[in-house]
N, C-alpha and C. Protein backbone atom coordinates (compact mmCIF):
# COMPACT_ATOMS: atom_id res chain seq x y z
N MET A 1 77.94 133.12 92.72
CA MET A 1 77.31 133.95 91.78
C MET A 1 76.79 135.18 92.37
N TRP A 2 75.96 135.00 93.43
CA TRP A 2 75.47 136.08 94.17
C TRP A 2 75.12 135.65 95.59
N LEU A 3 75.01 136.65 96.52
CA LEU A 3 74.91 136.39 97.91
C LEU A 3 73.74 135.45 98.36
N TYR A 4 72.51 135.60 97.75
CA TYR A 4 71.38 134.90 98.17
C TYR A 4 70.93 133.79 97.18
N GLN A 5 71.88 133.27 96.45
CA GLN A 5 71.60 132.15 95.48
C GLN A 5 70.96 130.95 96.12
N ARG A 6 71.43 130.55 97.28
CA ARG A 6 70.77 129.39 97.90
C ARG A 6 69.37 129.65 98.32
N HIS A 7 69.00 130.90 98.73
CA HIS A 7 67.77 131.15 99.13
C HIS A 7 66.74 131.19 97.93
N PHE A 8 67.32 131.81 96.89
CA PHE A 8 66.55 131.87 95.54
C PHE A 8 66.18 130.45 95.10
N ALA A 9 67.23 129.58 95.06
CA ALA A 9 66.96 128.16 94.65
C ALA A 9 65.81 127.53 95.53
N LYS A 10 65.93 127.75 96.80
CA LYS A 10 64.97 127.18 97.68
C LYS A 10 63.57 127.70 97.49
N LEU A 11 63.42 128.98 97.12
CA LEU A 11 62.07 129.62 96.85
C LEU A 11 61.55 128.96 95.58
N VAL A 12 62.46 128.74 94.58
CA VAL A 12 61.90 128.17 93.33
C VAL A 12 61.46 126.73 93.55
N ARG A 13 62.20 125.98 94.46
CA ARG A 13 61.72 124.60 94.76
C ARG A 13 60.43 124.62 95.54
N ILE A 14 60.18 125.52 96.42
CA ILE A 14 58.99 125.54 97.20
C ILE A 14 57.81 125.96 96.21
N GLU A 15 58.07 126.83 95.34
CA GLU A 15 57.09 127.16 94.28
C GLU A 15 56.72 125.93 93.40
N ALA A 16 57.88 125.20 92.98
CA ALA A 16 57.62 124.02 92.16
C ALA A 16 56.86 122.96 92.90
N ASP A 17 57.15 122.81 94.23
CA ASP A 17 56.35 121.77 95.07
C ASP A 17 54.90 122.22 95.11
N ARG A 18 54.65 123.53 95.31
CA ARG A 18 53.32 124.02 95.38
C ARG A 18 52.46 123.85 94.05
N LEU A 19 53.15 124.34 92.97
CA LEU A 19 52.42 124.20 91.67
C LEU A 19 52.23 122.77 91.24
N LEU A 20 53.34 121.93 91.29
CA LEU A 20 53.24 120.61 90.82
C LEU A 20 52.33 119.73 91.75
N GLY A 21 52.33 120.10 93.00
CA GLY A 21 51.38 119.39 93.94
C GLY A 21 49.97 119.62 93.60
N ARG A 22 49.58 120.88 93.06
CA ARG A 22 48.34 121.19 92.71
C ARG A 22 47.88 120.33 91.49
N THR A 23 48.71 119.84 90.69
CA THR A 23 48.51 119.03 89.54
C THR A 23 48.43 117.53 89.88
N GLY A 24 48.71 117.29 91.16
CA GLY A 24 48.80 115.88 91.70
C GLY A 24 50.09 115.13 91.37
N PHE A 25 51.13 115.86 90.92
CA PHE A 25 52.39 115.34 90.56
C PHE A 25 53.25 115.22 91.85
N ALA A 26 53.76 114.01 92.01
CA ALA A 26 54.66 113.76 93.23
C ALA A 26 56.08 113.27 92.85
N GLY A 27 56.72 114.05 91.94
CA GLY A 27 57.94 113.69 91.37
C GLY A 27 59.14 114.39 92.05
N ARG A 28 59.07 114.85 93.36
CA ARG A 28 60.12 115.37 94.11
C ARG A 28 60.99 116.32 93.29
N PRO A 29 60.47 117.46 92.98
CA PRO A 29 61.34 118.50 92.31
C PRO A 29 62.62 118.92 93.10
N LYS A 30 63.64 118.91 92.40
CA LYS A 30 64.92 119.58 92.89
C LYS A 30 65.31 120.68 92.05
N VAL A 31 65.97 121.77 92.60
CA VAL A 31 66.34 122.95 91.93
C VAL A 31 67.79 123.14 92.08
N MET A 32 68.47 123.49 91.06
CA MET A 32 69.87 124.03 91.12
C MET A 32 70.01 125.13 90.16
N LEU A 33 71.10 125.89 90.39
CA LEU A 33 71.39 127.06 89.56
C LEU A 33 72.78 126.71 88.92
N VAL A 34 72.98 127.08 87.63
CA VAL A 34 74.22 126.94 86.95
C VAL A 34 74.57 128.20 86.23
N GLY A 35 75.69 128.87 86.65
CA GLY A 35 76.12 130.12 86.08
C GLY A 35 77.34 129.96 85.28
N PHE A 36 77.31 130.70 84.07
CA PHE A 36 78.48 130.70 83.22
C PHE A 36 79.00 132.03 83.13
N GLN A 37 80.31 132.19 83.38
CA GLN A 37 80.86 133.54 83.48
C GLN A 37 80.89 134.18 82.18
N VAL A 38 80.46 135.45 82.10
CA VAL A 38 80.45 136.24 80.87
C VAL A 38 81.15 137.57 80.97
N GLY A 39 81.42 137.93 82.20
CA GLY A 39 82.08 139.23 82.47
C GLY A 39 83.56 139.08 82.56
N GLU A 40 84.11 139.82 83.53
CA GLU A 40 85.58 139.75 83.67
C GLU A 40 86.01 138.32 84.17
N GLU A 41 87.32 138.06 84.02
CA GLU A 41 87.88 136.81 84.40
C GLU A 41 87.65 136.61 85.97
N ARG A 42 87.19 135.49 86.27
CA ARG A 42 86.95 135.14 87.71
C ARG A 42 87.58 133.73 87.98
N ALA A 43 87.71 133.43 89.23
CA ALA A 43 88.36 132.14 89.53
C ALA A 43 87.40 130.91 89.16
N HIS A 44 86.21 131.17 88.95
CA HIS A 44 85.25 130.12 88.68
C HIS A 44 84.41 130.39 87.41
N PRO A 45 84.77 129.89 86.21
CA PRO A 45 84.06 130.15 84.97
C PRO A 45 82.64 129.56 85.06
N ILE A 46 82.51 128.51 85.81
CA ILE A 46 81.12 127.83 85.97
C ILE A 46 80.92 127.78 87.47
N CYS A 47 79.73 128.15 87.86
CA CYS A 47 79.33 128.09 89.27
C CYS A 47 77.98 127.29 89.30
N ILE A 48 77.99 126.48 90.48
CA ILE A 48 76.78 125.57 90.62
C ILE A 48 76.29 125.82 92.06
N GLU A 49 74.94 125.92 92.17
CA GLU A 49 74.27 125.97 93.49
C GLU A 49 73.35 124.78 93.49
N PRO A 50 73.43 123.89 94.39
CA PRO A 50 74.20 123.89 95.59
C PRO A 50 75.60 123.56 95.34
N GLU A 51 76.47 124.23 96.03
CA GLU A 51 77.98 124.02 95.91
C GLU A 51 78.34 122.71 96.35
N ASP A 52 77.64 122.10 97.37
CA ASP A 52 78.02 120.86 97.97
C ASP A 52 77.16 119.66 97.40
N GLY A 53 76.57 119.87 96.20
CA GLY A 53 75.74 118.87 95.63
C GLY A 53 76.59 117.85 94.82
N PRO A 54 75.89 116.99 94.03
CA PRO A 54 76.66 115.90 93.37
C PRO A 54 77.31 116.36 92.13
N TYR A 55 77.13 117.61 91.70
CA TYR A 55 77.76 118.02 90.42
C TYR A 55 78.87 119.13 90.68
N ALA A 56 79.85 118.98 89.93
CA ALA A 56 80.98 119.92 90.06
C ALA A 56 81.11 120.69 88.68
N PRO A 57 81.76 121.86 88.74
CA PRO A 57 81.89 122.65 87.42
C PRO A 57 82.44 121.85 86.35
N VAL A 58 83.50 120.99 86.72
CA VAL A 58 84.11 120.17 85.61
C VAL A 58 83.14 119.31 84.99
N ASP A 59 82.08 118.83 85.61
CA ASP A 59 81.05 118.11 85.01
C ASP A 59 80.27 118.75 83.88
N LEU A 60 80.34 120.09 83.89
CA LEU A 60 79.53 120.83 82.91
C LEU A 60 80.51 121.73 82.07
N ASP A 61 81.77 121.43 82.06
CA ASP A 61 82.61 122.32 81.36
C ASP A 61 82.64 122.07 79.73
N LYS A 62 81.84 120.99 79.31
CA LYS A 62 81.73 120.82 77.95
C LYS A 62 80.39 121.46 77.44
N ALA A 63 79.68 122.10 78.36
CA ALA A 63 78.38 122.66 77.90
C ALA A 63 78.59 123.82 76.88
N PRO A 64 79.53 124.75 76.96
CA PRO A 64 79.64 125.78 75.87
C PRO A 64 79.99 125.19 74.51
N GLU A 65 80.86 124.16 74.55
CA GLU A 65 81.21 123.50 73.30
C GLU A 65 80.01 122.74 72.66
N ARG A 66 79.19 122.08 73.55
CA ARG A 66 78.01 121.28 73.07
C ARG A 66 76.94 122.33 72.60
N ALA A 67 76.85 123.40 73.34
CA ALA A 67 75.84 124.46 72.91
C ALA A 67 76.23 125.05 71.54
N ALA A 68 77.45 125.22 71.30
CA ALA A 68 77.95 125.66 69.96
C ALA A 68 77.60 124.69 68.80
N GLU A 69 77.68 123.44 69.10
CA GLU A 69 77.37 122.45 68.21
C GLU A 69 75.87 122.47 67.89
N LEU A 70 75.06 122.51 68.99
CA LEU A 70 73.62 122.54 68.84
C LEU A 70 73.16 123.82 68.08
N TYR A 71 73.73 124.86 68.43
CA TYR A 71 73.48 126.17 67.67
C TYR A 71 73.79 125.99 66.18
N ALA A 72 74.94 125.40 65.89
CA ALA A 72 75.31 125.24 64.44
C ALA A 72 74.45 124.37 63.60
N GLU A 73 73.69 123.41 64.34
CA GLU A 73 72.82 122.51 63.70
C GLU A 73 71.38 122.97 63.73
N HIS A 74 71.07 124.02 64.49
CA HIS A 74 69.63 124.49 64.72
C HIS A 74 69.12 125.20 63.41
N SER A 75 67.94 124.84 63.00
CA SER A 75 67.33 125.45 61.81
C SER A 75 67.04 126.93 61.93
N ASP A 76 66.79 127.39 63.19
CA ASP A 76 66.48 128.85 63.40
C ASP A 76 67.80 129.71 63.31
N ARG A 77 68.94 129.10 63.30
CA ARG A 77 70.22 129.84 63.23
C ARG A 77 70.21 130.70 61.96
N ASP A 78 69.57 130.19 60.88
CA ASP A 78 69.66 130.93 59.53
C ASP A 78 68.50 131.82 59.28
N THR A 79 67.56 131.93 60.36
CA THR A 79 66.35 132.78 60.16
C THR A 79 66.81 134.33 60.13
N TYR A 80 66.35 135.02 59.20
CA TYR A 80 66.78 136.39 58.99
C TYR A 80 65.71 137.34 59.45
N TYR A 81 66.12 138.32 60.07
CA TYR A 81 65.41 139.49 60.68
C TYR A 81 65.91 140.72 60.04
N THR A 82 65.01 141.49 59.53
CA THR A 82 65.46 142.70 58.88
C THR A 82 66.03 143.85 59.79
N ALA A 83 65.56 143.90 61.00
CA ALA A 83 66.15 144.88 62.05
C ALA A 83 67.26 144.29 62.72
N ALA A 84 68.40 144.91 62.65
CA ALA A 84 69.68 144.32 63.23
C ALA A 84 69.54 144.13 64.70
N HIS A 85 68.85 144.88 65.45
CA HIS A 85 68.72 144.67 66.88
C HIS A 85 67.89 143.41 67.15
N ILE A 86 66.90 143.24 66.35
CA ILE A 86 66.04 142.01 66.55
C ILE A 86 66.85 140.78 66.18
N MET A 87 67.60 140.88 65.14
CA MET A 87 68.45 139.80 64.63
C MET A 87 69.38 139.38 65.83
N ALA A 88 70.08 140.43 66.41
CA ALA A 88 71.00 140.11 67.52
C ALA A 88 70.28 139.45 68.71
N ASP A 89 69.09 139.98 68.97
CA ASP A 89 68.38 139.50 70.18
C ASP A 89 67.98 138.03 69.93
N LYS A 90 67.44 137.71 68.73
CA LYS A 90 67.08 136.40 68.43
C LYS A 90 68.18 135.34 68.46
N GLN A 91 69.38 135.80 67.87
CA GLN A 91 70.47 134.91 67.84
C GLN A 91 71.01 134.71 69.31
N ALA A 92 70.95 135.72 70.22
CA ALA A 92 71.41 135.49 71.52
C ALA A 92 70.50 134.61 72.33
N GLU A 93 69.22 134.81 72.02
CA GLU A 93 68.22 133.86 72.62
C GLU A 93 68.37 132.49 72.23
N LEU A 94 68.66 132.21 70.99
CA LEU A 94 68.95 130.85 70.42
C LEU A 94 70.22 130.32 71.04
N ARG A 95 71.22 131.07 71.18
CA ARG A 95 72.44 130.66 71.87
C ARG A 95 72.20 130.22 73.24
N ASP A 96 71.41 130.98 73.99
CA ASP A 96 71.07 130.68 75.33
C ASP A 96 70.19 129.37 75.46
N ARG A 97 69.30 129.20 74.48
CA ARG A 97 68.45 128.02 74.51
C ARG A 97 69.34 126.81 74.20
N THR A 98 70.27 126.92 73.28
CA THR A 98 71.09 125.68 73.02
C THR A 98 71.99 125.49 74.18
N ARG A 99 72.46 126.36 74.93
CA ARG A 99 73.21 126.21 76.12
C ARG A 99 72.39 125.54 77.19
N ALA A 100 71.07 125.83 77.31
CA ALA A 100 70.15 125.22 78.25
C ALA A 100 70.03 123.78 77.79
N GLN A 101 69.88 123.52 76.48
CA GLN A 101 69.72 122.14 75.96
C GLN A 101 70.96 121.34 76.30
N ALA A 102 72.16 121.97 76.05
CA ALA A 102 73.46 121.26 76.38
C ALA A 102 73.52 120.93 77.85
N LEU A 103 73.03 121.83 78.70
CA LEU A 103 72.93 121.51 80.19
C LEU A 103 72.06 120.35 80.51
N GLU A 104 70.83 120.26 79.83
CA GLU A 104 70.01 119.17 79.95
C GLU A 104 70.62 117.87 79.60
N GLU A 105 71.33 117.81 78.54
CA GLU A 105 72.04 116.61 78.06
C GLU A 105 73.08 116.19 79.06
N LEU A 106 73.94 117.10 79.42
CA LEU A 106 75.06 116.81 80.31
C LEU A 106 74.66 116.39 81.66
N LEU A 107 73.62 117.11 82.23
CA LEU A 107 73.09 116.57 83.61
C LEU A 107 72.40 115.26 83.50
N GLY A 108 71.63 115.12 82.48
CA GLY A 108 70.91 113.81 82.27
C GLY A 108 71.90 112.66 82.12
N ALA A 109 73.03 112.88 81.58
CA ALA A 109 73.98 111.76 81.41
C ALA A 109 74.87 111.47 82.57
N HIS A 110 74.89 112.38 83.61
CA HIS A 110 75.71 112.32 84.74
C HIS A 110 75.31 111.13 85.61
N PRO A 111 76.24 110.44 86.21
CA PRO A 111 75.85 109.19 86.99
C PRO A 111 74.95 109.53 88.17
N ALA A 112 75.06 110.83 88.71
CA ALA A 112 74.28 111.19 89.87
C ALA A 112 72.81 111.54 89.48
N SER A 113 72.62 111.58 88.13
CA SER A 113 71.24 111.91 87.70
C SER A 113 70.39 110.79 87.39
N THR A 114 70.79 109.55 87.66
CA THR A 114 69.92 108.42 87.38
C THR A 114 68.55 108.57 88.00
N GLY A 115 67.56 108.29 87.15
CA GLY A 115 66.18 108.42 87.62
C GLY A 115 65.58 109.82 87.67
N ARG A 116 66.35 110.83 87.12
CA ARG A 116 65.86 112.26 87.08
C ARG A 116 65.81 112.70 85.72
N THR A 117 64.75 113.59 85.45
CA THR A 117 64.55 114.24 84.22
C THR A 117 64.81 115.75 84.44
N PHE A 118 65.62 116.37 83.54
CA PHE A 118 66.00 117.80 83.73
C PHE A 118 65.30 118.71 82.82
N PHE A 119 65.02 119.86 83.31
CA PHE A 119 64.40 120.94 82.60
C PHE A 119 65.34 122.22 82.94
N VAL A 120 65.74 122.96 81.88
CA VAL A 120 66.68 124.08 82.14
C VAL A 120 65.98 125.32 81.53
N GLY A 121 65.81 126.37 82.33
CA GLY A 121 65.28 127.60 81.80
C GLY A 121 66.29 128.53 81.14
N GLN A 122 65.76 129.57 80.52
CA GLN A 122 66.61 130.51 79.92
C GLN A 122 67.50 131.15 81.05
N SER A 123 68.64 131.73 80.70
CA SER A 123 69.48 132.42 81.80
C SER A 123 69.05 133.76 82.08
N ALA A 124 69.50 134.24 83.15
CA ALA A 124 69.28 135.61 83.66
C ALA A 124 70.71 136.09 83.92
N HIS A 125 70.96 137.28 83.56
CA HIS A 125 72.32 137.94 83.81
C HIS A 125 72.37 138.39 85.28
N VAL A 126 73.31 137.82 86.01
CA VAL A 126 73.56 138.08 87.37
C VAL A 126 74.99 138.42 87.56
N ASP A 127 75.34 139.66 87.89
CA ASP A 127 76.69 140.09 88.03
C ASP A 127 77.53 139.66 86.79
N ASP A 128 78.52 138.87 86.86
CA ASP A 128 79.36 138.46 85.71
C ASP A 128 78.93 137.11 85.18
N TYR A 129 77.74 136.70 85.52
CA TYR A 129 77.28 135.24 85.04
C TYR A 129 75.99 135.37 84.40
N GLU A 130 75.86 134.43 83.41
CA GLU A 130 74.47 134.08 82.94
C GLU A 130 74.05 132.75 83.70
N VAL A 131 72.97 132.88 84.38
CA VAL A 131 72.51 131.88 85.36
C VAL A 131 71.34 131.19 84.92
N HIS A 132 71.46 129.86 84.69
CA HIS A 132 70.21 129.03 84.32
C HIS A 132 69.68 128.40 85.55
N THR A 133 68.32 128.45 85.74
CA THR A 133 67.68 127.68 86.80
C THR A 133 67.34 126.29 86.22
N VAL A 134 67.74 125.23 86.93
CA VAL A 134 67.50 123.90 86.54
C VAL A 134 66.56 123.20 87.45
N LEU A 135 65.51 122.56 86.98
CA LEU A 135 64.66 121.92 87.79
C LEU A 135 64.60 120.40 87.29
N SER A 136 64.83 119.45 88.23
CA SER A 136 64.72 118.10 87.88
C SER A 136 63.63 117.39 88.78
N VAL A 137 63.01 116.36 88.14
CA VAL A 137 61.96 115.61 88.76
C VAL A 137 62.34 114.12 88.53
N ASP A 138 61.54 113.35 89.36
CA ASP A 138 61.65 111.93 89.26
C ASP A 138 61.10 111.41 87.91
N SER A 139 62.03 110.72 87.13
CA SER A 139 61.61 110.28 85.74
C SER A 139 60.48 109.27 85.76
N ASP A 140 60.39 108.36 86.71
CA ASP A 140 59.32 107.40 86.83
C ASP A 140 57.97 108.03 87.00
N ALA A 141 57.99 109.07 87.91
CA ALA A 141 56.72 109.88 88.28
C ALA A 141 56.28 110.62 86.97
N LEU A 142 57.25 111.21 86.14
CA LEU A 142 56.95 111.94 85.00
C LEU A 142 56.37 111.02 83.96
N LEU A 143 56.79 109.82 83.81
CA LEU A 143 56.22 108.79 82.84
C LEU A 143 54.79 108.48 83.17
N GLN A 144 54.35 108.65 84.46
CA GLN A 144 53.10 108.20 84.89
C GLN A 144 52.03 109.34 84.59
N VAL A 145 52.34 110.56 84.30
CA VAL A 145 51.34 111.62 84.04
C VAL A 145 50.76 111.37 82.63
N PRO A 146 49.49 111.81 82.53
CA PRO A 146 48.87 111.67 81.19
C PRO A 146 49.55 112.62 80.18
N ARG A 147 49.73 112.12 78.97
CA ARG A 147 50.48 112.88 77.95
C ARG A 147 49.55 113.06 76.70
N ILE A 148 49.80 114.14 76.03
CA ILE A 148 49.18 114.31 74.76
C ILE A 148 49.68 113.31 73.77
N ALA A 149 48.75 112.60 73.10
CA ALA A 149 49.18 111.55 72.16
C ALA A 149 49.75 112.25 70.92
N GLY A 150 50.89 111.77 70.41
CA GLY A 150 51.53 112.42 69.23
C GLY A 150 52.35 113.59 69.44
N ALA A 151 52.54 114.01 70.68
CA ALA A 151 53.31 115.22 71.04
C ALA A 151 54.77 115.10 70.70
N ALA A 152 55.29 113.88 70.53
CA ALA A 152 56.72 113.72 70.31
C ALA A 152 57.17 114.34 68.99
N GLY A 153 56.23 114.53 68.01
CA GLY A 153 56.59 115.13 66.81
C GLY A 153 56.52 116.62 66.72
N TRP A 154 56.01 117.18 67.82
CA TRP A 154 55.77 118.70 67.94
C TRP A 154 57.13 119.44 68.03
N PRO A 155 57.14 120.69 67.81
CA PRO A 155 58.33 121.54 68.06
C PRO A 155 58.81 121.33 69.48
N GLU A 156 60.16 121.59 69.62
CA GLU A 156 60.82 121.36 70.89
C GLU A 156 60.14 122.15 72.17
N ALA A 157 59.50 123.25 71.83
CA ALA A 157 59.01 124.12 72.93
C ALA A 157 57.63 123.60 73.39
N SER A 158 57.10 122.54 72.82
CA SER A 158 55.70 122.05 73.13
C SER A 158 55.73 121.00 74.18
N PRO A 159 55.30 121.35 75.37
CA PRO A 159 55.20 120.27 76.41
C PRO A 159 54.16 119.32 76.12
N ALA A 160 54.37 118.02 76.57
CA ALA A 160 53.43 117.00 76.23
C ALA A 160 52.50 116.63 77.33
N SER A 161 52.55 117.42 78.50
CA SER A 161 51.71 117.15 79.71
C SER A 161 51.52 118.34 80.45
N ILE A 162 50.42 118.32 81.28
CA ILE A 162 50.23 119.44 82.19
C ILE A 162 51.41 119.65 83.11
N THR A 163 52.04 118.52 83.56
CA THR A 163 53.18 118.68 84.37
C THR A 163 54.29 119.27 83.71
N GLU A 164 54.75 118.88 82.54
CA GLU A 164 55.80 119.59 81.77
C GLU A 164 55.37 121.04 81.48
N ALA A 165 54.18 121.32 81.18
CA ALA A 165 53.83 122.70 80.86
C ALA A 165 53.90 123.48 82.09
N THR A 166 53.65 122.97 83.32
CA THR A 166 53.79 123.72 84.50
C THR A 166 55.25 123.96 84.85
N ILE A 167 56.09 123.08 84.63
CA ILE A 167 57.50 123.26 84.81
C ILE A 167 58.09 124.36 83.88
N VAL A 168 57.75 124.12 82.59
CA VAL A 168 58.22 125.19 81.57
C VAL A 168 57.72 126.55 82.00
N GLU A 169 56.48 126.75 82.33
CA GLU A 169 55.98 128.00 82.64
C GLU A 169 56.72 128.55 83.98
N LEU A 170 56.88 127.73 84.90
CA LEU A 170 57.59 128.13 86.09
C LEU A 170 58.98 128.60 85.77
N LEU A 171 59.70 127.87 84.93
CA LEU A 171 61.05 128.33 84.56
C LEU A 171 61.03 129.58 83.77
N ASP A 172 59.99 129.74 82.92
CA ASP A 172 59.86 131.06 82.13
C ASP A 172 59.69 132.27 83.09
N GLN A 173 59.07 132.05 84.18
CA GLN A 173 58.77 133.10 85.12
C GLN A 173 59.92 133.42 86.00
N VAL A 174 60.88 132.58 86.19
CA VAL A 174 62.07 132.70 87.13
C VAL A 174 62.97 133.88 86.87
N PRO A 175 63.52 133.89 85.63
CA PRO A 175 64.58 134.96 85.45
C PRO A 175 64.05 136.37 85.89
């Protein structure tokens, strides 16, 4: 995707360690980057950092299809904005969010993901790719953190714990 992607992922993991450590969370954060080709044809339509990790591009090749399904089902898809540029921006953002959700699903279902919970941020456009930063943590450790009672019925963007809010905020700051 780009020359220093490995260094970028490492910096995000170091920041995740620092921030989550300050909350007392010991869930061993791991960071990966997943890029989807949007520009000219390249040899790799999906790129993953680390390249030598347990996930291969073929493991995520259903993400665009699943994202399209999630988009078609999403209630915000029919929200109308009177300004055409705002409408286009909001729909692009929703498509990006549904692709992030599709990545969470696919990564969470992968055999190498046992015991991990995934959080995927919005993408950033890098060269010919839209790159999502993915942060995973130990699922058992996440279950141990205090949670807001009744948060399960809240909108999708509402974290139920300080740990989840920290992860979401970190991913929001990354692009």
